[in-house]
Amino acid sequence: MEHLDRDWIELLQEAKNLGLSLEDVKQFLESCD
């Protein structure tokens, strides 16, 4: 579970670097489902 959290943190940091908002990330994840 800890590994997953680390992946999430990296993903969110990457998204922030790209200028994406949390909403953008949520929409992206929903489109991947």
PDB file of N, CA and C in Angstrom:
ATOM      1  N   MET A   1       0.833  -1.199   0.000  1.00  0.00           N
ATOM      2  CA  MET A   1       0.000   0.000   0.000  1.00  0.00           C
ATOM      3  C   MET A   1       0.874   1.259   0.000  1.00  0.00           C
ATOM      4  N   GLU A   2       1.983   1.164   0.716  1.00  0.00           N
ATOM      5  CA  GLU A   2       2.871   2.321   0.788  1.00  0.00           C
ATOM      6  C   GLU A   2       3.447   2.651  -0.585  1.00  0.00           C
ATOM      7  N   HIS A   3       3.730   1.601  -1.350  1.00  0.00           N
ATOM      8  CA  HIS A   3       4.286   1.804  -2.686  1.00  0.00           C
ATOM      9  C   HIS A   3       3.295   2.563  -3.559  1.00  0.00           C
ATOM     10  N   LEU A   4       2.028   2.208  -3.439  1.00  0.00           N
ATOM     11  CA  LEU A   4       0.989   2.866  -4.222  1.00  0.00           C
ATOM     12  C   LEU A   4       0.935   4.347  -3.871  1.00  0.00           C
ATOM     13  N   ASP A   5       1.026   4.648  -2.576  1.00  0.00           N
ATOM     14  CA  ASP A   5       0.998   6.039  -2.133  1.00  0.00           C
ATOM     15  C   ASP A   5       2.147   6.818  -2.761  1.00  0.00           C
ATOM     16  N   ARG A   6       3.314   6.188  -2.801  1.00  0.00           N
ATOM     17  CA  ARG A   6       4.474   6.869  -3.368  1.00  0.00           C
ATOM     18  C   ARG A   6       4.237   7.151  -4.853  1.00  0.00           C
ATOM     19  N   ASP A   7       3.667   6.172  -5.551  1.00  0.00           N
ATOM     20  CA  ASP A   7       3.356   6.371  -6.967  1.00  0.00           C
ATOM     21  C   ASP A   7       2.388   7.526  -7.137  1.00  0.00           C
ATOM     22  N   TRP A   8       1.396   7.594  -6.256  1.00  0.00           N
ATOM     23  CA  TRP A   8       0.400   8.671  -6.323  1.00  0.00           C
ATOM     24  C   TRP A   8       1.054  10.023  -6.146  1.00  0.00           C
ATOM     25  N   ILE A   9       1.942  10.108  -5.153  1.00  0.00           N
ATOM     26  CA  ILE A   9       2.619  11.375  -4.880  1.00  0.00           C
ATOM     27  C   ILE A   9       3.438  11.795  -6.092  1.00  0.00           C
ATOM     28  N   GLU A  10       4.144  10.842  -6.686  1.00  0.00           N
ATOM     29  CA  GLU A  10       4.936  11.155  -7.876  1.00  0.00           C
ATOM     30  C   GLU A  10       4.033  11.614  -9.006  1.00  0.00           C
ATOM     31  N   LEU A  11       2.906  10.925  -9.169  1.00  0.00           N
ATOM     32  CA  LEU A  11       1.968  11.279 -10.234  1.00  0.00           C
ATOM     33  C   LEU A  11       1.444  12.694 -10.039  1.00  0.00           C
ATOM     34  N   LEU A  12       1.075  13.019  -8.815  1.00  0.00           N
ATOM     35  CA  LEU A  12       0.537  14.349  -8.534  1.00  0.00           C
ATOM     36  C   LEU A  12       1.604  15.421  -8.718  1.00  0.00           C
ATOM     37  N   GLN A  13       2.828  15.126  -8.318  1.00  0.00           N
ATOM     38  CA  GLN A  13       3.909  16.092  -8.501  1.00  0.00           C
ATOM     39  C   GLN A  13       4.168  16.313  -9.986  1.00  0.00           C
ATOM     40  N   GLU A  14       4.150  15.242 -10.755  1.00  0.00           N
ATOM     41  CA  GLU A  14       4.335  15.328 -12.202  1.00  0.00           C
ATOM     42  C   GLU A  14       3.235  16.177 -12.819  1.00  0.00           C
ATOM     43  N   ALA A  15       2.007  15.933 -12.388  1.00  0.00           N
ATOM     44  CA  ALA A  15       0.867  16.695 -12.897  1.00  0.00           C
ATOM     45  C   ALA A  15       1.042  18.170 -12.574  1.00  0.00           C
ATOM     46  N   LYS A  16       1.513  18.465 -11.373  1.00  0.00           N
ATOM     47  CA  LYS A  16       1.716  19.855 -10.977  1.00  0.00           C
ATOM     48  C   LYS A  16       2.783  20.496 -11.853  1.00  0.00           C
ATOM     49  N   ASN A  17       3.842  19.740 -12.150  1.00  0.00           N
ATOM     50  CA  ASN A  17       4.908  20.244 -13.008  1.00  0.00           C
ATOM     51  C   ASN A  17       4.369  20.594 -14.388  1.00  0.00           C
ATOM     52  N   LEU A  18       3.383  19.816 -14.844  1.00  0.00           N
ATOM     53  CA  LEU A  18       2.809  20.045 -16.163  1.00  0.00           C
ATOM     54  C   LEU A  18       1.723  21.110 -16.123  1.00  0.00           C
ATOM     55  N   GLY A  19       1.422  21.614 -14.924  1.00  0.00           N
ATOM     56  CA  GLY A  19       0.422  22.661 -14.800  1.00  0.00           C
ATOM     57  C   GLY A  19      -0.995  22.133 -14.763  1.00  0.00           C
ATOM     58  N   LEU A  20      -1.139  20.857 -14.434  1.00  0.00           N
ATOM     59  CA  LEU A  20      -2.481  20.285 -14.349  1.00  0.00           C
ATOM     60  C   LEU A  20      -3.046  20.503 -12.953  1.00  0.00           C
ATOM     61  N   SER A  21      -4.335  20.705 -12.894  1.00  0.00           N
ATOM     62  CA  SER A  21      -4.995  20.837 -11.596  1.00  0.00           C
ATOM     63  C   SER A  21      -5.448  19.468 -11.119  1.00  0.00           C
ATOM     64  N   LEU A  22      -5.857  19.390  -9.865  1.00  0.00           N
ATOM     65  CA  LEU A  22      -6.353  18.133  -9.324  1.00  0.00           C
ATOM     66  C   LEU A  22      -7.569  17.666 -10.113  1.00  0.00           C
ATOM     67  N   GLU A  23      -8.393  18.615 -10.547  1.00  0.00           N
ATOM     68  CA  GLU A  23      -9.567  18.274 -11.356  1.00  0.00           C
ATOM     69  C   GLU A  23      -9.137  17.605 -12.662  1.00  0.00           C
ATOM     70  N   ASP A  24      -8.106  18.150 -13.299  1.00  0.00           N
ATOM     71  CA  ASP A  24      -7.610  17.560 -14.546  1.00  0.00           C
ATOM     72  C   ASP A  24      -7.168  16.122 -14.312  1.00  0.00           C
ATOM     73  N   VAL A  25      -6.472  15.912 -13.213  1.00  0.00           N
ATOM     74  CA  VAL A  25      -5.985  14.569 -12.888  1.00  0.00           C
ATOM     75  C   VAL A  25      -7.161  13.624 -12.667  1.00  0.00           C
ATOM     76  N   LYS A  26      -8.169  14.109 -11.939  1.00  0.00           N
ATOM     77  CA  LYS A  26      -9.343  13.266 -11.668  1.00  0.00           C
ATOM     78  C   LYS A  26     -10.037  12.886 -12.968  1.00  0.00           C
ATOM     79  N   GLN A  27     -10.207  13.861 -13.854  1.00  0.00           N
ATOM     80  CA  GLN A  27     -10.864  13.580 -15.134  1.00  0.00           C
ATOM     81  C   GLN A  27     -10.045  12.583 -15.939  1.00  0.00           C
ATOM     82  N   PHE A  28      -8.730  12.743 -15.914  1.00  0.00           N
ATOM     83  CA  PHE A  28      -7.850  11.838 -16.640  1.00  0.00           C
ATOM     84  C   PHE A  28      -7.998  10.410 -16.121  1.00  0.00           C
ATOM     85  N   LEU A  29      -8.009  10.264 -14.799  1.00  0.00           N
ATOM     86  CA  LEU A  29      -8.127   8.929 -14.212  1.00  0.00           C
ATOM     87  C   LEU A  29      -9.481   8.313 -14.529  1.00  0.00           C
ATOM     88  N   GLU A  30     -10.526   9.123 -14.519  1.00  0.00           N
ATOM     89  CA  GLU A  30     -11.857   8.600 -14.830  1.00  0.00           C
ATOM     90  C   GLU A  30     -11.925   8.147 -16.283  1.00  0.00           C
ATOM     91  N   SER A  31     -11.218   8.855 -17.154  1.00  0.00           N
ATOM     92  CA  SER A  31     -11.237   8.478 -18.568  1.00  0.00           C
ATOM     93  C   SER A  31     -10.430   7.203 -18.797  1.00  0.00           C
ATOM     94  N   CYS A  32      -9.549   6.863 -17.867  1.00  0.00           N
ATOM     95  CA  CYS A  32      -8.731   5.652 -17.999  1.00  0.00           C
ATOM     96  C   CYS A  32      -9.489   4.415 -17.543  1.00  0.00           C
ATOM     97  N   ASP A  33     -10.503   4.605 -16.734  1.00  0.00           N
ATOM     98  CA  ASP A  33     -11.236   3.457 -16.188  1.00  0.00           C
ATOM     99  C   ASP A  33     -11.878   2.612 -17.262  1.00  0.00           C
TER     100      ASP A  33
END
